[in-house]
């Protein structure tokens, strides 16, 4: 899947990410991936649910991948952060 169909969820309001996903689907994307790490995971889930239930009823969750990523902190030690990828697919 091309990288331009990926939405990285951070600290912005949920509707910003919903707008990005809806825009990509309206521009012809068949699949959009929502990615998040750590505390942003709940925002990513909210984004997927708002897209599916309020805006594009023909979008379904294709698959969900969860995992752990190791990040280096400023001190040099590594910390483990949970991550999620939600693959949304439009049924046209």
C-alpha atoms as a PDB file:
ATOM      1  CA  UNK A   1       0.000   0.000   0.000  1.00  0.00           C
ATOM      2  CA  UNK A   2       1.335   3.464  -0.803  1.00  0.00           C
ATOM      3  CA  UNK A   3       2.551   5.543   2.141  1.00  0.00           C
ATOM      4  CA  UNK A   4       0.241   8.440   1.225  1.00  0.00           C
ATOM      5  CA  UNK A   5      -2.791   6.439   2.406  1.00  0.00           C
ATOM      6  CA  UNK A   6      -1.428   6.348   5.967  1.00  0.00           C
ATOM      7  CA  UNK A   7      -2.659   8.671   8.707  1.00  0.00           C
ATOM      8  CA  UNK A   8      -0.381   9.046  11.715  1.00  0.00           C
ATOM      9  CA  UNK A   9      -2.440   9.907  14.799  1.00  0.00           C
ATOM     10  CA  UNK A  10      -0.897  12.229  17.367  1.00  0.00           C
ATOM     11  CA  UNK A  11      -2.212  14.880  19.754  1.00  0.00           C
ATOM     12  CA  UNK A  12      -4.592  16.776  17.482  1.00  0.00           C
ATOM     13  CA  UNK A  13      -8.380  16.500  17.892  1.00  0.00           C
ATOM     14  CA  UNK A  14     -10.021  13.352  16.505  1.00  0.00           C
ATOM     15  CA  UNK A  15     -11.946  15.272  13.839  1.00  0.00           C
ATOM     16  CA  UNK A  16      -8.678  16.367  12.195  1.00  0.00           C
ATOM     17  CA  UNK A  17      -7.803  12.713  11.531  1.00  0.00           C
ATOM     18  CA  UNK A  18     -11.382  11.868  10.529  1.00  0.00           C
ATOM     19  CA  UNK A  19     -11.267  14.655   7.929  1.00  0.00           C
ATOM     20  CA  UNK A  20      -7.957  13.323   6.596  1.00  0.00           C
ATOM     21  CA  UNK A  21      -9.371   9.796   6.247  1.00  0.00           C
ATOM     22  CA  UNK A  22     -12.629  10.918   4.617  1.00  0.00           C
ATOM     23  CA  UNK A  23     -10.673  13.136   2.214  1.00  0.00           C
ATOM     24  CA  UNK A  24      -8.453  10.231   1.146  1.00  0.00           C
ATOM     25  CA  UNK A  25     -11.450   7.979   0.543  1.00  0.00           C
ATOM     26  CA  UNK A  26     -13.213  10.731  -1.438  1.00  0.00           C
ATOM     27  CA  UNK A  27     -10.096  11.142  -3.607  1.00  0.00           C
ATOM     28  CA  UNK A  28     -10.420   7.505  -4.660  1.00  0.00           C
ATOM     29  CA  UNK A  29      -8.394   5.562  -2.095  1.00  0.00           C
ATOM     30  CA  UNK A  30      -9.658   2.008  -1.609  1.00  0.00           C
ATOM     31  CA  UNK A  31      -7.765   1.550   1.682  1.00  0.00           C
ATOM     32  CA  UNK A  32      -6.591   3.919   4.405  1.00  0.00           C
ATOM     33  CA  UNK A  33      -4.355   2.936   7.323  1.00  0.00           C
ATOM     34  CA  UNK A  34      -4.567   4.695  10.675  1.00  0.00           C
ATOM     35  CA  UNK A  35      -1.399   4.336  12.764  1.00  0.00           C
ATOM     36  CA  UNK A  36      -0.761   5.384  16.355  1.00  0.00           C
ATOM     37  CA  UNK A  37       1.571   4.734  19.285  1.00  0.00           C
ATOM     38  CA  UNK A  38       1.190   4.985  23.036  1.00  0.00           C
ATOM     39  CA  UNK A  39      -1.460   7.340  24.350  1.00  0.00           C
ATOM     40  CA  UNK A  40      -2.674   8.165  20.837  1.00  0.00           C
ATOM     41  CA  UNK A  41      -4.041   4.626  20.344  1.00  0.00           C
ATOM     42  CA  UNK A  42      -7.455   5.520  21.780  1.00  0.00           C
ATOM     43  CA  UNK A  43      -7.614   8.527  19.453  1.00  0.00           C
ATOM     44  CA  UNK A  44      -6.869   6.239  16.483  1.00  0.00           C
ATOM     45  CA  UNK A  45      -9.697   3.890  17.488  1.00  0.00           C
ATOM     46  CA  UNK A  46     -12.045   6.876  17.879  1.00  0.00           C
ATOM     47  CA  UNK A  47     -11.016   8.092  14.419  1.00  0.00           C
ATOM     48  CA  UNK A  48     -11.793   4.739  12.786  1.00  0.00           C
ATOM     49  CA  UNK A  49     -15.161   4.486  14.533  1.00  0.00           C
ATOM     50  CA  UNK A  50     -16.240   8.034  13.627  1.00  0.00           C
ATOM     51  CA  UNK A  51     -15.276   7.466   9.976  1.00  0.00           C
ATOM     52  CA  UNK A  52     -17.256   4.181   9.863  1.00  0.00           C
ATOM     53  CA  UNK A  53     -20.325   5.182  11.856  1.00  0.00           C
ATOM     54  CA  UNK A  54     -20.864   8.881  11.105  1.00  0.00           C
ATOM     55  CA  UNK A  55     -19.366   9.648   7.694  1.00  0.00           C
ATOM     56  CA  UNK A  56     -18.750   6.656   5.414  1.00  0.00           C
ATOM     57  CA  UNK A  57     -21.031   3.753   6.246  1.00  0.00           C
ATOM     58  CA  UNK A  58     -19.547   1.639   3.423  1.00  0.00           C
ATOM     59  CA  UNK A  59     -16.104   1.591   5.088  1.00  0.00           C
ATOM     60  CA  UNK A  60     -15.180  -1.504   7.097  1.00  0.00           C
ATOM     61  CA  UNK A  61     -12.226  -2.510   9.223  1.00  0.00           C
ATOM     62  CA  UNK A  62     -10.135  -4.840   7.089  1.00  0.00           C
ATOM     63  CA  UNK A  63      -7.673  -5.808   9.832  1.00  0.00           C
ATOM     64  CA  UNK A  64      -6.018  -4.508  12.966  1.00  0.00           C
ATOM     65  CA  UNK A  65      -2.371  -5.038  13.894  1.00  0.00           C
ATOM     66  CA  UNK A  66      -1.028  -4.382  17.357  1.00  0.00           C
ATOM     67  CA  UNK A  67       2.571  -4.487  18.480  1.00  0.00           C
ATOM     68  CA  UNK A  68       5.356  -3.013  20.538  1.00  0.00           C
ATOM     69  CA  UNK A  69       8.055  -0.658  19.286  1.00  0.00           C
ATOM     70  CA  UNK A  70      11.298   0.136  21.039  1.00  0.00           C
ATOM     71  CA  UNK A  71      12.217   3.802  21.154  1.00  0.00           C
ATOM     72  CA  UNK A  72      15.415   5.404  22.405  1.00  0.00           C
ATOM     73  CA  UNK A  73      14.930   8.024  25.088  1.00  0.00           C
ATOM     74  CA  UNK A  74      17.105  11.114  25.526  1.00  0.00           C
ATOM     75  CA  UNK A  75      19.064   9.319  28.240  1.00  0.00           C
ATOM     76  CA  UNK A  76      20.052   6.581  25.816  1.00  0.00           C
ATOM     77  CA  UNK A  77      17.998   3.758  27.276  1.00  0.00           C
ATOM     78  CA  UNK A  78      15.192   2.125  25.303  1.00  0.00           C
ATOM     79  CA  UNK A  79      11.530   2.216  26.191  1.00  0.00           C
ATOM     80  CA  UNK A  80       8.790   0.020  24.779  1.00  0.00           C
ATOM     81  CA  UNK A  81       5.683   1.673  23.358  1.00  0.00           C
ATOM     82  CA  UNK A  82       2.518  -0.064  22.187  1.00  0.00           C
ATOM     83  CA  UNK A  83       1.407   0.565  18.613  1.00  0.00           C
ATOM     84  CA  UNK A  84      -1.680  -0.071  16.504  1.00  0.00           C
ATOM     85  CA  UNK A  85      -2.477  -0.070  12.798  1.00  0.00           C
ATOM     86  CA  UNK A  86      -6.107  -0.018  11.719  1.00  0.00           C
ATOM     87  CA  UNK A  87      -6.686  -0.865   8.062  1.00  0.00           C
ATOM     88  CA  UNK A  88      -9.913   0.627   6.720  1.00  0.00           C
ATOM     89  CA  UNK A  89     -11.320  -0.592   3.403  1.00  0.00           C
ATOM     90  CA  UNK A  90     -14.062   0.940   1.297  1.00  0.00           C
ATOM     91  CA  UNK A  91     -16.587  -1.529  -0.078  1.00  0.00           C
ATOM     92  CA  UNK A  92     -17.543  -0.016  -3.399  1.00  0.00           C
END
